[in-house]
């Protein structure tokens, strides 16, 4: 009996050590996620800043949401805590400890969730994703078009007024070069960080943001076309 009792005690001690190791690993995993993250939709025109903490909360750990979270991403409305799931998913919880949003790691430092009827959302560190994508409000206003590094050949105004097709109204000012009037853009929109000028004939010019609030037409060419603030 003594021998079997000793074996049982050794087994229990080993099991306890394993449990402590698992708790230590879980603690390390939690600590690795503590900090500030950005949750965004696929186009990254709607973002939410979230800070994960290691302080205990109902069902998991505390977190903080930026003020713009809920208006941008309504799925975050009742989120007040977080935890790691059994397969190391990041689960965002409500006040009863129920999972409202669940992110799975798709690559190092990037987490993803897909919600029916809403689309795909990502969670990344702010340093990994860079500055937020420009919005229509950021870009609206007066612009000059420069071709080949010369003087402006046209000025136009990007209005924040929607059309029936959800594009925005573009106004070309008098005196524009024929290069622009032949293209004849009348609407514009933002698309995954790019600025699009569109004509009624189905032609589209794409511009990518560069330095000093300038935008260059892409793909690049030997005769570059730039948008600059006048």
C-alpha atoms as a PDB file:
ATOM      1  CA  UNK A   1       0.000   0.000   0.000  1.00  0.00           C
ATOM      2  CA  UNK A   2       2.820   2.347   0.884  1.00  0.00           C
ATOM      3  CA  UNK A   3       4.413   1.793  -2.542  1.00  0.00           C
ATOM      4  CA  UNK A   4       1.199   2.551  -4.431  1.00  0.00           C
ATOM      5  CA  UNK A   5       0.528   5.561  -2.244  1.00  0.00           C
ATOM      6  CA  UNK A   6       3.998   6.893  -3.013  1.00  0.00           C
ATOM      7  CA  UNK A   7       3.421   6.380  -6.745  1.00  0.00           C
ATOM      8  CA  UNK A   8       0.097   8.239  -6.493  1.00  0.00           C
ATOM      9  CA  UNK A   9       1.747  11.154  -4.691  1.00  0.00           C
ATOM     10  CA  UNK A  10       4.509  11.334  -7.305  1.00  0.00           C
ATOM     11  CA  UNK A  11       1.861  11.301 -10.035  1.00  0.00           C
ATOM     12  CA  UNK A  12      -0.103  14.066  -8.381  1.00  0.00           C
ATOM     13  CA  UNK A  13       3.065  16.127  -7.942  1.00  0.00           C
ATOM     14  CA  UNK A  14       3.896  15.712 -11.641  1.00  0.00           C
ATOM     15  CA  UNK A  15       0.361  16.664 -12.590  1.00  0.00           C
ATOM     16  CA  UNK A  16       0.566  19.734 -10.383  1.00  0.00           C
ATOM     17  CA  UNK A  17       3.867  20.723 -11.943  1.00  0.00           C
ATOM     18  CA  UNK A  18       2.339  20.331 -15.394  1.00  0.00           C
ATOM     19  CA  UNK A  19      -0.602  22.514 -14.395  1.00  0.00           C
ATOM     20  CA  UNK A  20       1.739  25.179 -13.053  1.00  0.00           C
ATOM     21  CA  UNK A  21       3.748  25.053 -16.300  1.00  0.00           C
ATOM     22  CA  UNK A  22       0.546  25.438 -18.340  1.00  0.00           C
ATOM     23  CA  UNK A  23      -0.467  28.414 -16.214  1.00  0.00           C
ATOM     24  CA  UNK A  24       2.979  29.953 -16.706  1.00  0.00           C
ATOM     25  CA  UNK A  25       2.691  29.455 -20.474  1.00  0.00           C
ATOM     26  CA  UNK A  26      -0.787  30.999 -20.470  1.00  0.00           C
ATOM     27  CA  UNK A  27       0.553  33.946 -18.494  1.00  0.00           C
ATOM     28  CA  UNK A  28       3.356  34.431 -21.006  1.00  0.00           C
ATOM     29  CA  UNK A  29       0.846  34.304 -23.861  1.00  0.00           C
ATOM     30  CA  UNK A  30      -1.324  36.904 -22.151  1.00  0.00           C
ATOM     31  CA  UNK A  31       1.640  39.190 -21.508  1.00  0.00           C
ATOM     32  CA  UNK A  32       2.682  38.925 -25.155  1.00  0.00           C
ATOM     33  CA  UNK A  33      -0.680  40.397 -26.173  1.00  0.00           C
ATOM     34  CA  UNK A  34      -0.880  43.157 -23.577  1.00  0.00           C
ATOM     35  CA  UNK A  35      -0.668  46.544 -25.239  1.00  0.00           C
ATOM     36  CA  UNK A  36      -2.318  48.663 -27.917  1.00  0.00           C
ATOM     37  CA  UNK A  37      -3.836  47.149 -31.050  1.00  0.00           C
ATOM     38  CA  UNK A  38      -5.834  48.380 -34.021  1.00  0.00           C
ATOM     39  CA  UNK A  39      -8.959  46.583 -35.235  1.00  0.00           C
ATOM     40  CA  UNK A  40     -10.081  47.530 -38.744  1.00  0.00           C
ATOM     41  CA  UNK A  41     -12.205  46.438 -41.659  1.00  0.00           C
ATOM     42  CA  UNK A  42     -10.557  45.144 -44.846  1.00  0.00           C
ATOM     43  CA  UNK A  43     -10.390  48.608 -46.458  1.00  0.00           C
ATOM     44  CA  UNK A  44      -9.055  50.091 -43.215  1.00  0.00           C
ATOM     45  CA  UNK A  45     -11.372  53.053 -43.527  1.00  0.00           C
ATOM     46  CA  UNK A  46     -13.028  52.080 -40.231  1.00  0.00           C
ATOM     47  CA  UNK A  47     -10.696  51.521 -37.303  1.00  0.00           C
ATOM     48  CA  UNK A  48     -10.867  50.906 -33.560  1.00  0.00           C
ATOM     49  CA  UNK A  49      -8.029  51.369 -31.081  1.00  0.00           C
ATOM     50  CA  UNK A  50      -8.042  48.774 -28.303  1.00  0.00           C
ATOM     51  CA  UNK A  51      -5.684  48.319 -25.341  1.00  0.00           C
ATOM     52  CA  UNK A  52      -5.461  44.805 -23.890  1.00  0.00           C
ATOM     53  CA  UNK A  53      -4.514  44.605 -20.211  1.00  0.00           C
ATOM     54  CA  UNK A  54      -3.454  41.818 -17.828  1.00  0.00           C
ATOM     55  CA  UNK A  55      -5.756  42.912 -14.981  1.00  0.00           C
ATOM     56  CA  UNK A  56      -8.484  40.424 -14.125  1.00  0.00           C
ATOM     57  CA  UNK A  57     -12.055  41.099 -15.273  1.00  0.00           C
ATOM     58  CA  UNK A  58     -15.274  39.076 -15.540  1.00  0.00           C
ATOM     59  CA  UNK A  59     -14.392  36.005 -17.579  1.00  0.00           C
ATOM     60  CA  UNK A  60     -10.956  37.250 -18.553  1.00  0.00           C
ATOM     61  CA  UNK A  61      -8.901  40.457 -18.519  1.00  0.00           C
ATOM     62  CA  UNK A  62      -9.608  44.160 -18.753  1.00  0.00           C
ATOM     63  CA  UNK A  63      -9.369  46.251 -21.918  1.00  0.00           C
ATOM     64  CA  UNK A  64      -9.948  49.828 -23.028  1.00  0.00           C
ATOM     65  CA  UNK A  65     -11.555  51.045 -26.258  1.00  0.00           C
ATOM     66  CA  UNK A  66     -10.907  54.349 -27.994  1.00  0.00           C
ATOM     67  CA  UNK A  67     -13.873  56.718 -28.329  1.00  0.00           C
ATOM     68  CA  UNK A  68     -14.238  56.035 -32.043  1.00  0.00           C
ATOM     69  CA  UNK A  69     -14.511  52.257 -31.667  1.00  0.00           C
ATOM     70  CA  UNK A  70     -18.251  51.764 -31.422  1.00  0.00           C
ATOM     71  CA  UNK A  71     -19.238  54.365 -34.066  1.00  0.00           C
ATOM     72  CA  UNK A  72     -16.745  52.835 -36.496  1.00  0.00           C
ATOM     73  CA  UNK A  73     -17.289  49.172 -35.600  1.00  0.00           C
ATOM     74  CA  UNK A  74     -20.690  48.517 -33.963  1.00  0.00           C
ATOM     75  CA  UNK A  75     -19.641  44.918 -33.195  1.00  0.00           C
ATOM     76  CA  UNK A  76     -17.553  46.400 -30.352  1.00  0.00           C
ATOM     77  CA  UNK A  77     -20.578  47.927 -28.590  1.00  0.00           C
ATOM     78  CA  UNK A  78     -20.755  45.616 -25.563  1.00  0.00           C
ATOM     79  CA  UNK A  79     -17.103  44.518 -25.413  1.00  0.00           C
ATOM     80  CA  UNK A  80     -15.561  45.088 -21.963  1.00  0.00           C
ATOM     81  CA  UNK A  81     -13.011  42.258 -21.499  1.00  0.00           C
ATOM     82  CA  UNK A  82     -10.857  39.716 -23.344  1.00  0.00           C
ATOM     83  CA  UNK A  83      -9.271  36.296 -22.964  1.00  0.00           C
ATOM     84  CA  UNK A  84      -7.428  33.597 -24.902  1.00  0.00           C
ATOM     85  CA  UNK A  85      -9.483  30.672 -26.145  1.00  0.00           C
ATOM     86  CA  UNK A  86      -8.490  27.007 -26.039  1.00  0.00           C
ATOM     87  CA  UNK A  87      -6.752  27.332 -29.427  1.00  0.00           C
ATOM     88  CA  UNK A  88      -5.175  30.694 -28.528  1.00  0.00           C
ATOM     89  CA  UNK A  89      -7.909  32.760 -30.185  1.00  0.00           C
ATOM     90  CA  UNK A  90      -8.301  36.315 -28.903  1.00  0.00           C
ATOM     91  CA  UNK A  91     -11.874  36.476 -27.641  1.00  0.00           C
ATOM     92  CA  UNK A  92     -13.571  39.785 -26.843  1.00  0.00           C
ATOM     93  CA  UNK A  93     -16.200  39.427 -24.124  1.00  0.00           C
ATOM     94  CA  UNK A  94     -19.287  41.199 -22.820  1.00  0.00           C
ATOM     95  CA  UNK A  95     -20.130  41.843 -19.161  1.00  0.00           C
ATOM     96  CA  UNK A  96     -21.355  38.258 -18.693  1.00  0.00           C
ATOM     97  CA  UNK A  97     -18.169  36.738 -20.057  1.00  0.00           C
ATOM     98  CA  UNK A  98     -19.770  35.766 -23.385  1.00  0.00           C
ATOM     99  CA  UNK A  99     -17.647  35.892 -26.535  1.00  0.00           C
ATOM    100  CA  UNK A 100     -18.826  38.613 -28.934  1.00  0.00           C
ATOM    101  CA  UNK A 101     -15.849  38.725 -31.325  1.00  0.00           C
ATOM    102  CA  UNK A 102     -13.124  36.116 -31.863  1.00  0.00           C
ATOM    103  CA  UNK A 103      -9.826  36.640 -33.699  1.00  0.00           C
ATOM    104  CA  UNK A 104      -7.550  33.845 -34.934  1.00  0.00           C
ATOM    105  CA  UNK A 105      -3.870  34.454 -35.733  1.00  0.00           C
ATOM    106  CA  UNK A 106      -3.260  34.149 -39.494  1.00  0.00           C
ATOM    107  CA  UNK A 107       0.384  35.210 -39.399  1.00  0.00           C
ATOM    108  CA  UNK A 108       2.783  36.578 -36.820  1.00  0.00           C
ATOM    109  CA  UNK A 109       1.258  39.735 -35.378  1.00  0.00           C
ATOM    110  CA  UNK A 110      -1.897  39.641 -37.518  1.00  0.00           C
ATOM    111  CA  UNK A 111      -5.265  38.359 -36.305  1.00  0.00           C
ATOM    112  CA  UNK A 112      -8.420  37.944 -38.371  1.00  0.00           C
ATOM    113  CA  UNK A 113     -12.144  37.366 -37.973  1.00  0.00           C
ATOM    114  CA  UNK A 114     -14.930  37.028 -40.525  1.00  0.00           C
ATOM    115  CA  UNK A 115     -18.457  38.031 -39.571  1.00  0.00           C
ATOM    116  CA  UNK A 116     -21.442  37.037 -41.733  1.00  0.00           C
ATOM    117  CA  UNK A 117     -22.992  40.068 -43.381  1.00  0.00           C
ATOM    118  CA  UNK A 118     -20.240  42.384 -42.090  1.00  0.00           C
ATOM    119  CA  UNK A 119     -17.042  41.172 -43.741  1.00  0.00           C
ATOM    120  CA  UNK A 120     -13.475  40.490 -42.650  1.00  0.00           C
ATOM    121  CA  UNK A 121     -11.774  42.372 -39.815  1.00  0.00           C
ATOM    122  CA  UNK A 122      -8.132  42.451 -38.744  1.00  0.00           C
ATOM    123  CA  UNK A 123      -6.320  43.096 -35.473  1.00  0.00           C
ATOM    124  CA  UNK A 124      -2.744  44.343 -35.706  1.00  0.00           C
ATOM    125  CA  UNK A 125      -0.334  46.540 -33.795  1.00  0.00           C
ATOM    126  CA  UNK A 126      -0.381  50.201 -34.909  1.00  0.00           C
ATOM    127  CA  UNK A 127       3.319  50.011 -35.824  1.00  0.00           C
ATOM    128  CA  UNK A 128       2.607  47.119 -38.215  1.00  0.00           C
ATOM    129  CA  UNK A 129      -0.178  48.832 -40.148  1.00  0.00           C
ATOM    130  CA  UNK A 130       1.198  52.382 -40.335  1.00  0.00           C
ATOM    131  CA  UNK A 131      -0.987  55.522 -40.364  1.00  0.00           C
ATOM    132  CA  UNK A 132      -4.722  55.160 -41.057  1.00  0.00           C
ATOM    133  CA  UNK A 133      -5.858  55.279 -44.671  1.00  0.00           C
ATOM    134  CA  UNK A 134      -6.976  58.684 -45.921  1.00  0.00           C
ATOM    135  CA  UNK A 135     -10.702  59.327 -45.819  1.00  0.00           C
ATOM    136  CA  UNK A 136     -12.782  61.367 -48.244  1.00  0.00           C
ATOM    137  CA  UNK A 137     -12.924  64.144 -45.638  1.00  0.00           C
ATOM    138  CA  UNK A 138      -9.114  64.253 -45.560  1.00  0.00           C
ATOM    139  CA  UNK A 139      -8.811  64.583 -49.337  1.00  0.00           C
ATOM    140  CA  UNK A 140     -11.785  66.807 -50.243  1.00  0.00           C
ATOM    141  CA  UNK A 141     -10.962  70.326 -51.412  1.00  0.00           C
ATOM    142  CA  UNK A 142      -8.961  72.106 -54.103  1.00  0.00           C
ATOM    143  CA  UNK A 143      -6.165  70.384 -56.027  1.00  0.00           C
ATOM    144  CA  UNK A 144      -3.814  71.202 -58.898  1.00  0.00           C
ATOM    145  CA  UNK A 145      -2.749  68.678 -61.534  1.00  0.00           C
ATOM    146  CA  UNK A 146       0.925  68.827 -62.528  1.00  0.00           C
ATOM    147  CA  UNK A 147       2.287  66.878 -65.487  1.00  0.00           C
ATOM    148  CA  UNK A 148       5.951  66.021 -65.931  1.00  0.00           C
ATOM    149  CA  UNK A 149       7.137  68.332 -63.165  1.00  0.00           C
ATOM    150  CA  UNK A 150       5.953  71.476 -64.981  1.00  0.00           C
ATOM    151  CA  UNK A 151       3.508  74.132 -63.864  1.00  0.00           C
ATOM    152  CA  UNK A 152      -0.063  73.087 -63.018  1.00  0.00           C
ATOM    153  CA  UNK A 153      -2.129  72.272 -66.107  1.00  0.00           C
ATOM    154  CA  UNK A 154      -5.465  72.179 -64.305  1.00  0.00           C
ATOM    155  CA  UNK A 155      -7.155  72.893 -61.000  1.00  0.00           C
ATOM    156  CA  UNK A 156     -10.110  70.965 -59.704  1.00  0.00           C
ATOM    157  CA  UNK A 157     -12.247  70.639 -56.602  1.00  0.00           C
ATOM    158  CA  UNK A 158     -13.075  67.347 -54.924  1.00  0.00           C
ATOM    159  CA  UNK A 159     -16.456  67.851 -53.292  1.00  0.00           C
ATOM    160  CA  UNK A 160     -17.726  65.744 -50.409  1.00  0.00           C
ATOM    161  CA  UNK A 161     -21.110  65.419 -52.117  1.00  0.00           C
ATOM    162  CA  UNK A 162     -22.314  61.930 -53.013  1.00  0.00           C
ATOM    163  CA  UNK A 163     -23.842  60.977 -56.365  1.00  0.00           C
ATOM    164  CA  UNK A 164     -26.620  58.433 -56.911  1.00  0.00           C
ATOM    165  CA  UNK A 165     -23.911  55.780 -57.469  1.00  0.00           C
ATOM    166  CA  UNK A 166     -22.136  56.628 -54.186  1.00  0.00           C
ATOM    167  CA  UNK A 167     -19.206  58.315 -55.922  1.00  0.00           C
ATOM    168  CA  UNK A 168     -18.379  61.910 -54.968  1.00  0.00           C
ATOM    169  CA  UNK A 169     -18.726  64.984 -57.157  1.00  0.00           C
ATOM    170  CA  UNK A 170     -15.642  66.422 -58.893  1.00  0.00           C
ATOM    171  CA  UNK A 171     -15.577  69.921 -60.377  1.00  0.00           C
ATOM    172  CA  UNK A 172     -13.025  70.909 -63.059  1.00  0.00           C
ATOM    173  CA  UNK A 173     -12.217  74.603 -63.002  1.00  0.00           C
ATOM    174  CA  UNK A 174     -11.989  76.702 -66.195  1.00  0.00           C
ATOM    175  CA  UNK A 175      -8.692  76.861 -68.130  1.00  0.00           C
ATOM    176  CA  UNK A 176      -7.655  73.209 -67.902  1.00  0.00           C
ATOM    177  CA  UNK A 177      -5.290  71.645 -70.442  1.00  0.00           C
ATOM    178  CA  UNK A 178      -6.784  69.441 -73.186  1.00  0.00           C
ATOM    179  CA  UNK A 179      -4.965  66.474 -71.603  1.00  0.00           C
ATOM    180  CA  UNK A 180      -7.414  66.779 -68.695  1.00  0.00           C
ATOM    181  CA  UNK A 181     -10.537  67.835 -70.577  1.00  0.00           C
ATOM    182  CA  UNK A 182     -10.217  64.838 -72.905  1.00  0.00           C
ATOM    183  CA  UNK A 183     -10.223  62.599 -69.855  1.00  0.00           C
ATOM    184  CA  UNK A 184     -13.135  64.632 -68.447  1.00  0.00           C
ATOM    185  CA  UNK A 185     -13.449  63.380 -64.859  1.00  0.00           C
ATOM    186  CA  UNK A 186     -16.716  64.218 -63.094  1.00  0.00           C
ATOM    187  CA  UNK A 187     -16.573  62.015 -59.963  1.00  0.00           C
ATOM    188  CA  UNK A 188     -14.020  60.656 -57.488  1.00  0.00           C
ATOM    189  CA  UNK A 189     -13.716  58.210 -54.610  1.00  0.00           C
ATOM    190  CA  UNK A 190     -11.266  56.661 -52.182  1.00  0.00           C
ATOM    191  CA  UNK A 191     -10.492  52.973 -52.756  1.00  0.00           C
ATOM    192  CA  UNK A 192      -8.191  51.072 -50.369  1.00  0.00           C
ATOM    193  CA  UNK A 193      -6.021  54.108 -49.766  1.00  0.00           C
ATOM    194  CA  UNK A 194      -5.930  55.209 -53.402  1.00  0.00           C
ATOM    195  CA  UNK A 195      -7.600  58.305 -54.850  1.00  0.00           C
ATOM    196  CA  UNK A 196      -9.639  57.620 -58.003  1.00  0.00           C
ATOM    197  CA  UNK A 197     -10.735  60.196 -60.591  1.00  0.00           C
ATOM    198  CA  UNK A 198     -13.499  58.864 -62.844  1.00  0.00           C
ATOM    199  CA  UNK A 199     -15.022  59.978 -66.148  1.00  0.00           C
ATOM    200  CA  UNK A 200     -18.555  59.181 -67.408  1.00  0.00           C
ATOM    201  CA  UNK A 201     -16.960  57.116 -70.218  1.00  0.00           C
ATOM    202  CA  UNK A 202     -15.717  54.549 -67.712  1.00  0.00           C
ATOM    203  CA  UNK A 203     -12.111  55.792 -67.590  1.00  0.00           C
ATOM    204  CA  UNK A 204     -10.371  55.892 -64.212  1.00  0.00           C
ATOM    205  CA  UNK A 205      -7.111  57.469 -63.080  1.00  0.00           C
ATOM    206  CA  UNK A 206      -5.636  56.062 -59.864  1.00  0.00           C
ATOM    207  CA  UNK A 207      -3.401  58.109 -57.583  1.00  0.00           C
ATOM    208  CA  UNK A 208      -1.209  56.862 -54.733  1.00  0.00           C
ATOM    209  CA  UNK A 209      -0.172  59.125 -51.854  1.00  0.00           C
ATOM    210  CA  UNK A 210       3.454  60.186 -51.745  1.00  0.00           C
ATOM    211  CA  UNK A 211       5.397  62.633 -49.598  1.00  0.00           C
ATOM    212  CA  UNK A 212       4.210  66.082 -48.507  1.00  0.00           C
ATOM    213  CA  UNK A 213       0.526  65.434 -49.268  1.00  0.00           C
ATOM    214  CA  UNK A 214       1.114  64.827 -52.972  1.00  0.00           C
ATOM    215  CA  UNK A 215      -0.508  62.064 -54.990  1.00  0.00           C
ATOM    216  CA  UNK A 216       1.032  60.424 -58.071  1.00  0.00           C
ATOM    217  CA  UNK A 217      -0.849  58.641 -60.808  1.00  0.00           C
ATOM    218  CA  UNK A 218      -0.171  54.889 -60.891  1.00  0.00           C
ATOM    219  CA  UNK A 219       1.308  52.983 -62.533  1.00  0.00           C
ATOM    220  CA  UNK A 220       4.259  55.371 -62.744  1.00  0.00           C
ATOM    221  CA  UNK A 221       5.466  56.560 -66.141  1.00  0.00           C
ATOM    222  CA  UNK A 222       8.202  58.701 -67.669  1.00  0.00           C
ATOM    223  CA  UNK A 223       5.666  61.547 -67.832  1.00  0.00           C
ATOM    224  CA  UNK A 224       4.288  61.545 -64.261  1.00  0.00           C
ATOM    225  CA  UNK A 225       0.963  63.109 -63.344  1.00  0.00           C
ATOM    226  CA  UNK A 226       0.698  64.523 -59.836  1.00  0.00           C
ATOM    227  CA  UNK A 227      -2.035  65.947 -57.651  1.00  0.00           C
ATOM    228  CA  UNK A 228      -0.828  68.690 -55.295  1.00  0.00           C
ATOM    229  CA  UNK A 229      -2.535  71.184 -53.013  1.00  0.00           C
ATOM    230  CA  UNK A 230      -2.483  74.628 -54.667  1.00  0.00           C
END
